[in-house]
Amino acid sequence: MGHAKTSYVCLPCRASYKQPYDLGRPRRLCPRCAEPMIHAGSAFAPPRRRDTAAWRTLSVLLHAGIGFHKSCCGGPGYRPRTVREVRERMTYARRSGEPLARALVRPEVP
């Protein structure tokens, strides 16, 4: 049985790489630009390189500490897909005092 692979993302290059997950090597460097990559999780599906809005949304999610990890019951759960959805959740977090990471994964904003 092979080792499980997980996705690492380079936001400046808009690239994703599947690599074996290794606790002893937490920092990965991008093969294109040599910048540190962000661990996105095993359930991550990258947007197309030309889709700047999707990469901007992804950047907000990853910098907020939200990953795309599989859970025991399926996938990673709800994640906003558009800049508008991110803006709505950021406004809600600011007004309600809820942490940004929790507001971003809400399926609906009250």
PDB file of N, CA and C in Angstrom:
ATOM      1  N   MET A   1       0.844  -1.173   0.000  1.00  0.00           N
ATOM      2  CA  MET A   1       0.000   0.000   0.000  1.00  0.00           C
ATOM      3  C   MET A   1       0.886   1.231   0.000  1.00  0.00           C
ATOM      4  N   GLY A   2       0.593   2.198  -0.859  1.00  0.00           N
ATOM      5  CA  GLY A   2       1.395   3.408  -0.982  1.00  0.00           C
ATOM      6  C   GLY A   2       1.083   4.420   0.094  1.00  0.00           C
ATOM      7  N   HIS A   3       1.944   5.405   0.205  1.00  0.00           N
ATOM      8  CA  HIS A   3       1.747   6.470   1.175  1.00  0.00           C
ATOM      9  C   HIS A   3       0.729   7.475   0.649  1.00  0.00           C
ATOM     10  N   ALA A   4      -0.044   8.011   1.564  1.00  0.00           N
ATOM     11  CA  ALA A   4      -1.056   9.001   1.190  1.00  0.00           C
ATOM     12  C   ALA A   4      -0.380  10.299   0.761  1.00  0.00           C
ATOM     13  N   LYS A   5      -0.946  10.930  -0.237  1.00  0.00           N
ATOM     14  CA  LYS A   5      -0.408  12.207  -0.692  1.00  0.00           C
ATOM     15  C   LYS A   5      -1.374  13.317  -0.343  1.00  0.00           C
ATOM     16  N   THR A   6      -0.840  14.498  -0.202  1.00  0.00           N
ATOM     17  CA  THR A   6      -1.624  15.660   0.136  1.00  0.00           C
ATOM     18  C   THR A   6      -1.169  16.821  -0.735  1.00  0.00           C
ATOM     19  N   SER A   7      -1.977  17.847  -0.836  1.00  0.00           N
ATOM     20  CA  SER A   7      -1.666  18.976  -1.724  1.00  0.00           C
ATOM     21  C   SER A   7      -0.943  20.092  -0.986  1.00  0.00           C
ATOM     22  N   TYR A   8       0.029  20.659  -1.677  1.00  0.00           N
ATOM     23  CA  TYR A   8       0.734  21.855  -1.243  1.00  0.00           C
ATOM     24  C   TYR A   8       0.552  22.895  -2.331  1.00  0.00           C
ATOM     25  N   VAL A   9       0.308  24.152  -1.926  1.00  0.00           N
ATOM     26  CA  VAL A   9      -0.032  25.205  -2.877  1.00  0.00           C
ATOM     27  C   VAL A   9       0.993  26.325  -2.826  1.00  0.00           C
ATOM     28  N   CYS A  10       1.386  26.802  -4.009  1.00  0.00           N
ATOM     29  CA  CYS A  10       2.207  28.001  -4.135  1.00  0.00           C
ATOM     30  C   CYS A  10       1.292  29.089  -4.702  1.00  0.00           C
ATOM     31  N   LEU A  11       0.950  30.056  -3.867  1.00  0.00           N
ATOM     32  CA  LEU A  11       0.025  31.113  -4.305  1.00  0.00           C
ATOM     33  C   LEU A  11       0.632  32.039  -5.353  1.00  0.00           C
ATOM     34  N   PRO A  12       1.919  32.463  -5.258  1.00  0.00           N
ATOM     35  CA  PRO A  12       2.467  33.332  -6.306  1.00  0.00           C
ATOM     36  C   PRO A  12       2.491  32.668  -7.689  1.00  0.00           C
ATOM     37  N   CYS A  13       2.757  31.362  -7.738  1.00  0.00           N
ATOM     38  CA  CYS A  13       2.803  30.639  -9.019  1.00  0.00           C
ATOM     39  C   CYS A  13       1.429  30.126  -9.446  1.00  0.00           C
ATOM     40  N   ARG A  14       0.464  30.150  -8.533  1.00  0.00           N
ATOM     41  CA  ARG A  14      -0.859  29.557  -8.762  1.00  0.00           C
ATOM     42  C   ARG A  14      -0.708  28.099  -9.187  1.00  0.00           C
ATOM     43  N   ALA A  15       0.025  27.364  -8.364  1.00  0.00           N
ATOM     44  CA  ALA A  15       0.297  25.963  -8.667  1.00  0.00           C
ATOM     45  C   ALA A  15       0.047  25.106  -7.440  1.00  0.00           C
ATOM     46  N   SER A  16      -0.333  23.857  -7.689  1.00  0.00           N
ATOM     47  CA  SER A  16      -0.583  22.895  -6.624  1.00  0.00           C
ATOM     48  C   SER A  16       0.204  21.633  -6.925  1.00  0.00           C
ATOM     49  N   TYR A  17       0.783  21.046  -5.897  1.00  0.00           N
ATOM     50  CA  TYR A  17       1.588  19.836  -6.059  1.00  0.00           C
ATOM     51  C   TYR A  17       1.150  18.808  -5.032  1.00  0.00           C
ATOM     52  N   LYS A  18       0.918  17.572  -5.484  1.00  0.00           N
ATOM     53  CA  LYS A  18       0.606  16.466  -4.573  1.00  0.00           C
ATOM     54  C   LYS A  18       1.936  15.840  -4.163  1.00  0.00           C
ATOM     55  N   GLN A  19       2.148  15.767  -2.859  1.00  0.00           N
ATOM     56  CA  GLN A  19       3.378  15.184  -2.330  1.00  0.00           C
ATOM     57  C   GLN A  19       3.039  14.349  -1.111  1.00  0.00           C
ATOM     58  N   PRO A  20       3.881  13.377  -0.784  1.00  0.00           N
ATOM     59  CA  PRO A  20       3.628  12.591   0.429  1.00  0.00           C
ATOM     60  C   PRO A  20       3.687  13.485   1.658  1.00  0.00           C
ATOM     61  N   TYR A  21       2.780  13.247   2.578  1.00  0.00           N
ATOM     62  CA  TYR A  21       2.757  14.030   3.819  1.00  0.00           C
ATOM     63  C   TYR A  21       3.822  13.483   4.746  1.00  0.00           C
ATOM     64  N   ASP A  22       4.683  14.355   5.241  1.00  0.00           N
ATOM     65  CA  ASP A  22       5.795  13.954   6.096  1.00  0.00           C
ATOM     66  C   ASP A  22       5.883  14.921   7.271  1.00  0.00           C
ATOM     67  N   LEU A  23       5.630  14.430   8.482  1.00  0.00           N
ATOM     68  CA  LEU A  23       5.681  15.285   9.666  1.00  0.00           C
ATOM     69  C   LEU A  23       7.093  15.818   9.922  1.00  0.00           C
ATOM     70  N   GLY A  24       8.104  15.081   9.516  1.00  0.00           N
ATOM     71  CA  GLY A  24       9.477  15.501   9.739  1.00  0.00           C
ATOM     72  C   GLY A  24       9.924  16.615   8.811  1.00  0.00           C
ATOM     73  N   ARG A  25       9.140  16.899   7.798  1.00  0.00           N
ATOM     74  CA  ARG A  25       9.494  17.923   6.811  1.00  0.00           C
ATOM     75  C   ARG A  25       8.302  18.861   6.633  1.00  0.00           C
ATOM     76  N   PRO A  26       8.055  19.742   7.611  1.00  0.00           N
ATOM     77  CA  PRO A  26       6.850  20.570   7.544  1.00  0.00           C
ATOM     78  C   PRO A  26       6.902  21.669   6.488  1.00  0.00           C
ATOM     79  N   ARG A  27       8.074  22.119   6.091  1.00  0.00           N
ATOM     80  CA  ARG A  27       8.169  23.227   5.142  1.00  0.00           C
ATOM     81  C   ARG A  27       8.545  22.701   3.758  1.00  0.00           C
ATOM     82  N   ARG A  28       7.728  23.016   2.776  1.00  0.00           N
ATOM     83  CA  ARG A  28       7.979  22.620   1.385  1.00  0.00           C
ATOM     84  C   ARG A  28       8.243  23.856   0.552  1.00  0.00           C
ATOM     85  N   LEU A  29       9.145  23.752  -0.398  1.00  0.00           N
ATOM     86  CA  LEU A  29       9.457  24.866  -1.288  1.00  0.00           C
ATOM     87  C   LEU A  29       8.920  24.576  -2.677  1.00  0.00           C
ATOM     88  N   CYS A  30       8.434  25.613  -3.340  1.00  0.00           N
ATOM     89  CA  CYS A  30       7.895  25.489  -4.682  1.00  0.00           C
ATOM     90  C   CYS A  30       9.023  25.161  -5.656  1.00  0.00           C
ATOM     91  N   PRO A  31       8.827  24.184  -6.534  1.00  0.00           N
ATOM     92  CA  PRO A  31       9.856  23.858  -7.525  1.00  0.00           C
ATOM     93  C   PRO A  31      10.059  24.952  -8.574  1.00  0.00           C
ATOM     94  N   ARG A  32       9.073  25.836  -8.756  1.00  0.00           N
ATOM     95  CA  ARG A  32       9.189  26.899  -9.758  1.00  0.00           C
ATOM     96  C   ARG A  32       9.908  28.132  -9.226  1.00  0.00           C
ATOM     97  N   CYS A  33       9.470  28.621  -8.020  1.00  0.00           N
ATOM     98  CA  CYS A  33       9.980  29.903  -7.534  1.00  0.00           C
ATOM     99  C   CYS A  33      10.761  29.790  -6.224  1.00  0.00           C
ATOM    100  N   ALA A  34      10.816  28.620  -5.626  1.00  0.00           N
ATOM    101  CA  ALA A  34      11.539  28.354  -4.384  1.00  0.00           C
ATOM    102  C   ALA A  34      10.958  29.085  -3.176  1.00  0.00           C
ATOM    103  N   GLU A  35       9.714  29.557  -3.270  1.00  0.00           N
ATOM    104  CA  GLU A  35       9.021  30.165  -2.129  1.00  0.00           C
ATOM    105  C   GLU A  35       8.357  29.051  -1.312  1.00  0.00           C
ATOM    106  N   PRO A  36       8.127  29.284  -0.020  1.00  0.00           N
ATOM    107  CA  PRO A  36       7.446  28.262   0.786  1.00  0.00           C
ATOM    108  C   PRO A  36       6.008  28.034   0.297  1.00  0.00           C
ATOM    109  N   MET A  37       5.603  26.766   0.293  1.00  0.00           N
ATOM    110  CA  MET A  37       4.248  26.410  -0.108  1.00  0.00           C
ATOM    111  C   MET A  37       3.387  26.224   1.134  1.00  0.00           C
ATOM    112  N   ILE A  38       2.070  26.295   0.960  1.00  0.00           N
ATOM    113  CA  ILE A  38       1.111  26.137   2.043  1.00  0.00           C
ATOM    114  C   ILE A  38       0.452  24.773   1.912  1.00  0.00           C
ATOM    115  N   HIS A  39       0.346  24.063   3.043  1.00  0.00           N
ATOM    116  CA  HIS A  39      -0.313  22.765   3.046  1.00  0.00           C
ATOM    117  C   HIS A  39      -1.820  22.988   2.913  1.00  0.00           C
ATOM    118  N   ALA A  40      -2.423  22.482   1.841  1.00  0.00           N
ATOM    119  CA  ALA A  40      -3.847  22.708   1.580  1.00  0.00           C
ATOM    120  C   ALA A  40      -4.716  21.534   2.003  1.00  0.00           C
ATOM    121  N   GLY A  41      -4.178  20.329   2.050  1.00  0.00           N
ATOM    122  CA  GLY A  41      -4.954  19.159   2.453  1.00  0.00           C
ATOM    123  C   GLY A  41      -5.161  18.175   1.325  1.00  0.00           C
ATOM    124  N   SER A  42      -5.608  16.986   1.687  1.00  0.00           N
ATOM    125  CA  SER A  42      -5.743  15.916   0.696  1.00  0.00           C
ATOM    126  C   SER A  42      -7.009  16.025  -0.145  1.00  0.00           C
ATOM    127  N   ALA A  43      -7.996  16.810   0.287  1.00  0.00           N
ATOM    128  CA  ALA A  43      -9.246  16.960  -0.467  1.00  0.00           C
ATOM    129  C   ALA A  43      -9.245  18.227  -1.323  1.00  0.00           C
ATOM    130  N   PHE A  44      -8.086  18.828  -1.532  1.00  0.00           N
ATOM    131  CA  PHE A  44      -7.981  20.082  -2.278  1.00  0.00           C
ATOM    132  C   PHE A  44      -8.036  19.841  -3.781  1.00  0.00           C
ATOM    133  N   ALA A  45      -8.830  20.655  -4.472  1.00  0.00           N
ATOM    134  CA  ALA A  45      -8.891  20.644  -5.933  1.00  0.00           C
ATOM    135  C   ALA A  45      -8.550  22.057  -6.401  1.00  0.00           C
ATOM    136  N   PRO A  46      -7.423  22.244  -7.078  1.00  0.00           N
ATOM    137  CA  PRO A  46      -7.001  23.596  -7.451  1.00  0.00           C
ATOM    138  C   PRO A  46      -7.863  24.206  -8.551  1.00  0.00           C
ATOM    139  N   PRO A  47      -8.056  25.524  -8.495  1.00  0.00           N
ATOM    140  CA  PRO A  47      -8.757  26.196  -9.604  1.00  0.00           C
ATOM    141  C   PRO A  47      -7.821  26.314 -10.809  1.00  0.00           C
ATOM    142  N   ARG A  48      -8.377  26.692 -11.925  1.00  0.00           N
ATOM    143  CA  ARG A  48      -7.543  26.905 -13.118  1.00  0.00           C
ATOM    144  C   ARG A  48      -6.602  28.076 -12.865  1.00  0.00           C
ATOM    145  N   ARG A  49      -5.441  28.013 -13.459  1.00  0.00           N
ATOM    146  CA  ARG A  49      -4.412  29.032 -13.228  1.00  0.00           C
ATOM    147  C   ARG A  49      -4.884  30.428 -13.635  1.00  0.00           C
ATOM    148  N   ARG A  50      -5.706  30.541 -14.660  1.00  0.00           N
ATOM    149  CA  ARG A  50      -6.181  31.850 -15.142  1.00  0.00           C
ATOM    150  C   ARG A  50      -7.307  32.442 -14.306  1.00  0.00           C
ATOM    151  N   ASP A  51      -7.915  31.659 -13.433  1.00  0.00           N
ATOM    152  CA  ASP A  51      -9.055  32.111 -12.643  1.00  0.00           C
ATOM    153  C   ASP A  51      -8.568  32.912 -11.429  1.00  0.00           C
ATOM    154  N   THR A  52      -8.317  34.196 -11.647  1.00  0.00           N
ATOM    155  CA  THR A  52      -7.730  35.036 -10.599  1.00  0.00           C
ATOM    156  C   THR A  52      -8.664  35.198  -9.394  1.00  0.00           C
ATOM    157  N   ALA A  53      -9.966  35.276  -9.624  1.00  0.00           N
ATOM    158  CA  ALA A  53     -10.908  35.420  -8.509  1.00  0.00           C
ATOM    159  C   ALA A  53     -10.877  34.188  -7.605  1.00  0.00           C
ATOM    160  N   ALA A  54     -10.823  33.009  -8.192  1.00  0.00           N
ATOM    161  CA  ALA A  54     -10.774  31.781  -7.395  1.00  0.00           C
ATOM    162  C   ALA A  54      -9.475  31.699  -6.596  1.00  0.00           C
ATOM    163  N   TRP A  55      -8.362  32.123  -7.179  1.00  0.00           N
ATOM    164  CA  TRP A  55      -7.084  32.110  -6.454  1.00  0.00           C
ATOM    165  C   TRP A  55      -7.071  33.154  -5.342  1.00  0.00           C
ATOM    166  N   ARG A  56      -7.751  34.279  -5.557  1.00  0.00           N
ATOM    167  CA  ARG A  56      -7.849  35.292  -4.501  1.00  0.00           C
ATOM    168  C   ARG A  56      -8.668  34.744  -3.333  1.00  0.00           C
ATOM    169  N   THR A  57      -9.765  34.067  -3.635  1.00  0.00           N
ATOM    170  CA  THR A  57     -10.590  33.428  -2.610  1.00  0.00           C
ATOM    171  C   THR A  57      -9.785  32.368  -1.868  1.00  0.00           C
ATOM    172  N   LEU A  58      -9.073  31.549  -2.608  1.00  0.00           N
ATOM    173  CA  LEU A  58      -8.246  30.500  -2.018  1.00  0.00           C
ATOM    174  C   LEU A  58      -7.172  31.099  -1.108  1.00  0.00           C
ATOM    175  N   SER A  59      -6.585  32.200  -1.520  1.00  0.00           N
ATOM    176  CA  SER A  59      -5.559  32.861  -0.717  1.00  0.00           C
ATOM    177  C   SER A  59      -6.104  33.289   0.641  1.00  0.00           C
ATOM    178  N   VAL A  60      -7.307  33.870   0.648  1.00  0.00           N
ATOM    179  CA  VAL A  60      -7.930  34.292   1.908  1.00  0.00           C
ATOM    180  C   VAL A  60      -8.163  33.077   2.804  1.00  0.00           C
ATOM    181  N   LEU A  61      -8.673  31.989   2.235  1.00  0.00           N
ATOM    182  CA  LEU A  61      -8.957  30.788   3.015  1.00  0.00           C
ATOM    183  C   LEU A  61      -7.688  30.202   3.619  1.00  0.00           C
ATOM    184  N   LEU A  62      -6.645  30.046   2.810  1.00  0.00           N
ATOM    185  CA  LEU A  62      -5.413  29.434   3.298  1.00  0.00           C
ATOM    186  C   LEU A  62      -4.714  30.310   4.334  1.00  0.00           C
ATOM    187  N   HIS A  63      -4.725  31.630   4.127  1.00  0.00           N
ATOM    188  CA  HIS A  63      -4.098  32.527   5.097  1.00  0.00           C
ATOM    189  C   HIS A  63      -4.892  32.601   6.402  1.00  0.00           C
ATOM    190  N   ALA A  64      -6.178  32.260   6.368  1.00  0.00           N
ATOM    191  CA  ALA A  64      -6.996  32.216   7.587  1.00  0.00           C
ATOM    192  C   ALA A  64      -6.828  30.882   8.316  1.00  0.00           C
ATOM    193  N   GLY A  65      -6.053  29.971   7.719  1.00  0.00           N
ATOM    194  CA  GLY A  65      -5.806  28.678   8.355  1.00  0.00           C
ATOM    195  C   GLY A  65      -6.826  27.612   8.022  1.00  0.00           C
ATOM    196  N   ILE A  66      -7.620  27.840   6.997  1.00  0.00           N
ATOM    197  CA  ILE A  66      -8.644  26.883   6.595  1.00  0.00           C
ATOM    198  C   ILE A  66      -8.070  25.982   5.510  1.00  0.00           C
ATOM    199  N   GLY A  67      -8.091  24.691   5.762  1.00  0.00           N
ATOM    200  CA  GLY A  67      -7.567  23.736   4.805  1.00  0.00           C
ATOM    201  C   GLY A  67      -8.673  22.920   4.174  1.00  0.00           C
ATOM    202  N   PHE A  68      -8.277  21.993   3.337  1.00  0.00           N
ATOM    203  CA  PHE A  68      -9.196  21.119   2.621  1.00  0.00           C
ATOM    204  C   PHE A  68      -8.843  19.676   2.987  1.00  0.00           C
ATOM    205  N   HIS A  69      -9.088  19.341   4.235  1.00  0.00           N
ATOM    206  CA  HIS A  69      -8.738  18.027   4.752  1.00  0.00           C
ATOM    207  C   HIS A  69      -9.974  17.138   4.780  1.00  0.00           C
ATOM    208  N   LYS A  70      -9.781  15.870   4.490  1.00  0.00           N
ATOM    209  CA  LYS A  70     -10.888  14.920   4.543  1.00  0.00           C
ATOM    210  C   LYS A  70     -11.251  14.684   6.001  1.00  0.00           C
ATOM    211  N   SER A  71     -12.551  14.500   6.232  1.00  0.00           N
ATOM    212  CA  SER A  71     -13.005  14.164   7.585  1.00  0.00           C
ATOM    213  C   SER A  71     -13.508  12.729   7.566  1.00  0.00           C
ATOM    214  N   CYS A  72     -13.928  12.257   8.713  1.00  0.00           N
ATOM    215  CA  CYS A  72     -14.403  10.878   8.794  1.00  0.00           C
ATOM    216  C   CYS A  72     -15.692  10.668   7.998  1.00  0.00           C
ATOM    217  N   CYS A  73     -16.439  11.724   7.754  1.00  0.00           N
ATOM    218  CA  CYS A  73     -17.744  11.598   7.089  1.00  0.00           C
ATOM    219  C   CYS A  73     -17.737  12.076   5.638  1.00  0.00           C
ATOM    220  N   GLY A  74     -16.596  12.340   5.070  1.00  0.00           N
ATOM    221  CA  GLY A  74     -16.573  12.793   3.681  1.00  0.00           C
ATOM    222  C   GLY A  74     -15.497  13.827   3.443  1.00  0.00           C
ATOM    223  N   GLY A  75     -15.885  14.904   2.765  1.00  0.00           N
ATOM    224  CA  GLY A  75     -14.932  15.933   2.377  1.00  0.00           C
ATOM    225  C   GLY A  75     -14.700  16.987   3.441  1.00  0.00           C
ATOM    226  N   PRO A  76     -14.141  18.100   3.044  1.00  0.00           N
ATOM    227  CA  PRO A  76     -13.761  19.139   4.001  1.00  0.00           C
ATOM    228  C   PRO A  76     -14.914  20.002   4.485  1.00  0.00           C
ATOM    229  N   GLY A  77     -16.097  19.870   3.906  1.00  0.00           N
ATOM    230  CA  GLY A  77     -17.219  20.722   4.293  1.00  0.00           C
ATOM    231  C   GLY A  77     -17.321  21.930   3.385  1.00  0.00           C
ATOM    232  N   TYR A  78     -18.143  22.887   3.797  1.00  0.00           N
ATOM    233  CA  TYR A  78     -18.374  24.070   2.970  1.00  0.00           C
ATOM    234  C   TYR A  78     -17.140  24.968   2.921  1.00  0.00           C
ATOM    235  N   ARG A  79     -16.836  25.478   1.748  1.00  0.00           N
ATOM    236  CA  ARG A  79     -15.798  26.487   1.546  1.00  0.00           C
ATOM    237  C   ARG A  79     -16.345  27.494   0.536  1.00  0.00           C
ATOM    238  N   PRO A  80     -16.197  28.812   0.786  1.00  0.00           N
ATOM    239  CA  PRO A  80     -16.676  29.802  -0.189  1.00  0.00           C
ATOM    240  C   PRO A  80     -15.924  29.668  -1.508  1.00  0.00           C
ATOM    241  N   ARG A  81     -16.620  29.895  -2.607  1.00  0.00           N
ATOM    242  CA  ARG A  81     -16.017  29.734  -3.922  1.00  0.00           C
ATOM    243  C   ARG A  81     -15.819  31.056  -4.660  1.00  0.00           C
ATOM    244  N   THR A  82     -16.472  32.119  -4.197  1.00  0.00           N
ATOM    245  CA  THR A  82     -16.354  33.396  -4.893  1.00  0.00           C
ATOM    246  C   THR A  82     -15.877  34.482  -3.934  1.00  0.00           C
ATOM    247  N   VAL A  83     -15.359  35.557  -4.508  1.00  0.00           N
ATOM    248  CA  VAL A  83     -14.910  36.690  -3.716  1.00  0.00           C
ATOM    249  C   VAL A  83     -16.095  37.315  -2.978  1.00  0.00           C
ATOM    250  N   ARG A  84     -17.248  37.317  -3.600  1.00  0.00           N
ATOM    251  CA  ARG A  84     -18.449  37.871  -2.965  1.00  0.00           C
ATOM    252  C   ARG A  84     -18.806  37.101  -1.693  1.00  0.00           C
ATOM    253  N   GLU A  85     -18.766  35.763  -1.752  1.00  0.00           N
ATOM    254  CA  GLU A  85     -19.058  34.955  -0.576  1.00  0.00           C
ATOM    255  C   GLU A  85     -18.047  35.222   0.539  1.00  0.00           C
ATOM    256  N   VAL A  86     -16.793  35.399   0.180  1.00  0.00           N
ATOM    257  CA  VAL A  86     -15.755  35.703   1.175  1.00  0.00           C
ATOM    258  C   VAL A  86     -16.032  37.054   1.810  1.00  0.00           C
ATOM    259  N   ARG A  87     -16.357  38.060   0.985  1.00  0.00           N
ATOM    260  CA  ARG A  87     -16.644  39.398   1.511  1.00  0.00           C
ATOM    261  C   ARG A  87     -17.826  39.385   2.475  1.00  0.00           C
ATOM    262  N   GLU A  88     -18.881  38.651   2.121  1.00  0.00           N
ATOM    263  CA  GLU A  88     -20.055  38.549   2.993  1.00  0.00           C
ATOM    264  C   GLU A  88     -19.679  37.969   4.352  1.00  0.00           C
ATOM    265  N   ARG A  89     -18.881  36.921   4.348  1.00  0.00           N
ATOM    266  CA  ARG A  89     -18.488  36.271   5.593  1.00  0.00           C
ATOM    267  C   ARG A  89     -17.503  37.117   6.401  1.00  0.00           C
ATOM    268  N   MET A  90     -16.646  37.858   5.724  1.00  0.00           N
ATOM    269  CA  MET A  90     -15.727  38.753   6.434  1.00  0.00           C
ATOM    270  C   MET A  90     -16.499  39.891   7.107  1.00  0.00           C
ATOM    271  N   THR A  91     -17.497  40.426   6.422  1.00  0.00           N
ATOM    272  CA  THR A  91     -18.338  41.481   6.997  1.00  0.00           C
ATOM    273  C   THR A  91     -19.098  40.942   8.201  1.00  0.00           C
ATOM    274  N   TYR A  92     -19.641  39.741   8.067  1.00  0.00           N
ATOM    275  CA  TYR A  92     -20.359  39.118   9.185  1.00  0.00           C
ATOM    276  C   TYR A  92     -19.425  38.923  10.383  1.00  0.00           C
ATOM    277  N   ALA A  93     -18.209  38.446  10.138  1.00  0.00           N
ATOM    278  CA  ALA A  93     -17.251  38.221  11.230  1.00  0.00           C
ATOM    279  C   ALA A  93     -16.915  39.533  11.927  1.00  0.00           C
ATOM    280  N   ARG A  94     -16.724  40.579  11.156  1.00  0.00           N
ATOM    281  CA  ARG A  94     -16.386  41.890  11.724  1.00  0.00           C
ATOM    282  C   ARG A  94     -17.531  42.426  12.588  1.00  0.00           C
ATOM    283  N   ARG A  95     -18.761  42.284  12.106  1.00  0.00           N
ATOM    284  CA  ARG A  95     -19.927  42.821  12.819  1.00  0.00           C
ATOM    285  C   ARG A  95     -20.327  41.981  14.029  1.00  0.00           C
ATOM    286  N   SER A  96     -20.189  40.665  13.932  1.00  0.00           N
ATOM    287  CA  SER A  96     -20.650  39.793  15.011  1.00  0.00           C
ATOM    288  C   SER A  96     -19.572  39.483  16.039  1.00  0.00           C
ATOM    289  N   GLY A  97     -18.316  39.666  15.671  1.00  0.00           N
ATOM    290  CA  GLY A  97     -17.227  39.324  16.576  1.00  0.00           C
ATOM    291  C   GLY A  97     -16.815  37.864  16.493  1.00  0.00           C
ATOM    292  N   GLU A  98     -17.428  37.127  15.580  1.00  0.00           N
ATOM    293  CA  GLU A  98     -17.067  35.721  15.386  1.00  0.00           C
ATOM    294  C   GLU A  98     -15.682  35.651  14.740  1.00  0.00           C
ATOM    295  N   PRO A  99     -14.848  34.666  15.114  1.00  0.00           N
ATOM    296  CA  PRO A  99     -13.538  34.537  14.467  1.00  0.00           C
ATOM    297  C   PRO A  99     -13.680  34.352  12.953  1.00  0.00           C
ATOM    298  N   LEU A 100     -12.763  34.949  12.210  1.00  0.00           N
ATOM    299  CA  LEU A 100     -12.820  34.913  10.742  1.00  0.00           C
ATOM    300  C   LEU A 100     -12.837  33.485  10.212  1.00  0.00           C
ATOM    301  N   ALA A 101     -11.986  32.618  10.754  1.00  0.00           N
ATOM    302  CA  ALA A 101     -11.919  31.240  10.259  1.00  0.00           C
ATOM    303  C   ALA A 101     -13.253  30.524  10.411  1.00  0.00           C
ATOM    304  N   ARG A 102     -13.955  30.768  11.492  1.00  0.00           N
ATOM    305  CA  ARG A 102     -15.254  30.125  11.698  1.00  0.00           C
ATOM    306  C   ARG A 102     -16.308  30.724  10.774  1.00  0.00           C
ATOM    307  N   ALA A 103     -16.265  32.028  10.562  1.00  0.00           N
ATOM    308  CA  ALA A 103     -17.247  32.685   9.690  1.00  0.00           C
ATOM    309  C   ALA A 103     -17.058  32.259   8.235  1.00  0.00           C
ATOM    310  N   LEU A 104     -15.824  32.029   7.811  1.00  0.00           N
ATOM    311  CA  LEU A 104     -15.569  31.641   6.426  1.00  0.00           C
ATOM    312  C   LEU A 104     -16.125  30.266   6.069  1.00  0.00           C
ATOM    313  N   VAL A 105     -16.247  29.374   7.018  1.00  0.00           N
ATOM    314  CA  VAL A 105     -16.741  28.033   6.714  1.00  0.00           C
ATOM    315  C   VAL A 105     -18.236  27.866   6.988  1.00  0.00           C
ATOM    316  N   ARG A 106     -18.922  28.968   7.298  1.00  0.00           N
ATOM    317  CA  ARG A 106     -20.378  28.930   7.478  1.00  0.00           C
ATOM    318  C   ARG A 106     -21.063  28.741   6.119  1.00  0.00           C
ATOM    319  N   PRO A 107     -21.964  27.751   5.999  1.00  0.00           N
ATOM    320  CA  PRO A 107     -22.682  27.593   4.733  1.00  0.00           C
ATOM    321  C   PRO A 107     -23.582  28.768   4.407  1.00  0.00           C
ATOM    322  N   GLU A 108     -24.184  29.371   5.454  1.00  0.00           N
ATOM    323  CA  GLU A 108     -25.057  30.532   5.246  1.00  0.00           C
ATOM    324  C   GLU A 108     -24.723  31.587   6.280  1.00  0.00           C
ATOM    325  N   VAL A 109     -24.810  32.828   5.864  1.00  0.00           N
ATOM    326  CA  VAL A 109     -24.577  33.954   6.777  1.00  0.00           C
ATOM    327  C   VAL A 109     -25.928  34.440   7.273  1.00  0.00           C
ATOM    328  N   PRO A 110     -26.120  34.511   8.610  1.00  0.00           N
ATOM    329  CA  PRO A 110     -27.416  34.968   9.129  1.00  0.00           C
ATOM    330  C   PRO A 110     -27.695  36.422   8.811  1.00  0.00           C
TER     331      PRO A 110
END
